[in-house]
Amino acid sequence: MDIEYYMKLQNAYGTKNKRERELAKVNRNADIHFDDTFDTADVIVNDTPMQMMIIKDTDGNVHKKKIKTRHSDIIRLGDYVKWNNQVWLITLLDPDDKTWNRGYMYLCTILLRWQDDNGNIIERWGYSEDYTKYSQGETGNTTIKIGDYQYGITLPVDDVTKKLTRGKRFVIDFEGNYPPDTYRLAGKKAFLTDDRYFGKGGIVTYTLSYNFFNEKVDKLVDYNETQVWICDYHSLNPIIEDKEDVVLQIDYPKNCIRATGKEEILSASLYSKSKDTTTICTDCVWTVDSNISQYLTYKQDDGKLSISLSKEYDDIGEMVKISCFDKQTEKNTSIILEAKGVY
């Protein structure tokens, strides 16, 4: 008898030994009977239809569920599960996935919205916890509890959420409230549960502390046929009625550039003279002028300038002039940076 043909019939083709053949048999039988249980439900994992066992946890937390999927239905940390008209976040996985994919998911209770560097509005569902009870402060030699209204927000790790930095602000409040409550990103735990190195995704937990609403920069904007609050909002396509009313400014906090070989990112903004408004420039032209151009590498993209100074530069005192021209307002501005070696 052709053993390879027999193994194909048993869905065991490609296995190396009896143990692997038995494991393939177990997985095949589990797949066949997976939807026989009362706990199995039809769900959407990210955008993929899937069946999942959703089991009540023994600790009584109704916002937490044990989950199982077929061996062939891959799930990862940070995946969103749509079930029962709710959004859940997978926060824990068993790395041993020989027969099942199993773990835990938590109910998402907060939808965060913010604006990225390109001006796009981003939204992510998160699992939230009250961190106020864990907050501590110090006065003299005494440690005291302080109620500073903190949230712990768990989000999936992706190309957008991993760029969130301390100081980023969000509105968290009921719709229609004015002024709304705002919170500031005060800390993060990025690598407590990060399984990306073996292809199983990752989650990050941010700490948000109560902040103050700023009517000058926190705006109610149109988004997906509704209006949402965005902190520190910058208009991407402004209509400048009075060109003399605005000032072009390069946004760069340093007065020098060091020979590290790493990119520095420069952007430019239009500031209103008569109103406290700010607009990010997206249609501008950058120029770089220096006597050490052979050590400089730069490019412009999406209205920003990326520039780096080679590690081979070991002098001091040379100047780099960076200029920006905004096409809409025809405004020019420039800054002078001193080129410095690493030491």
Foldseek 3Di string as FASTA:
>chain_A
DPVQVVCVVQVNHPDDDPVSSVLSNLLVVCVVCVPVDPQWDWKQWQNRIFIKRWADDPVPPPQKTKIKGRLVDAAFFQIWICDPNFIKGFHFWDPPSSGITIGMIGTFDDWWWEADPLQDIDIFTWRKDFCQQVDWDDDDPDIDRDRQGKMKTKHWDDPGVVPDDWQAKTFDADPPDPPTWMWTFHDKDFPPFAPPVVPRGGMMITMITTDDDDPQQWDFDDDPNHTDTYGRHADADDDDPDLVQKDKDKDDDDQAAEAPQAKDKIWIWIAGNVGGHIHTAQAKDKDKDWPVVVQKDWDDDRRMIIMHGHLPDADWDTKMKMKMARPVSRDIDIHIHIYHYPD
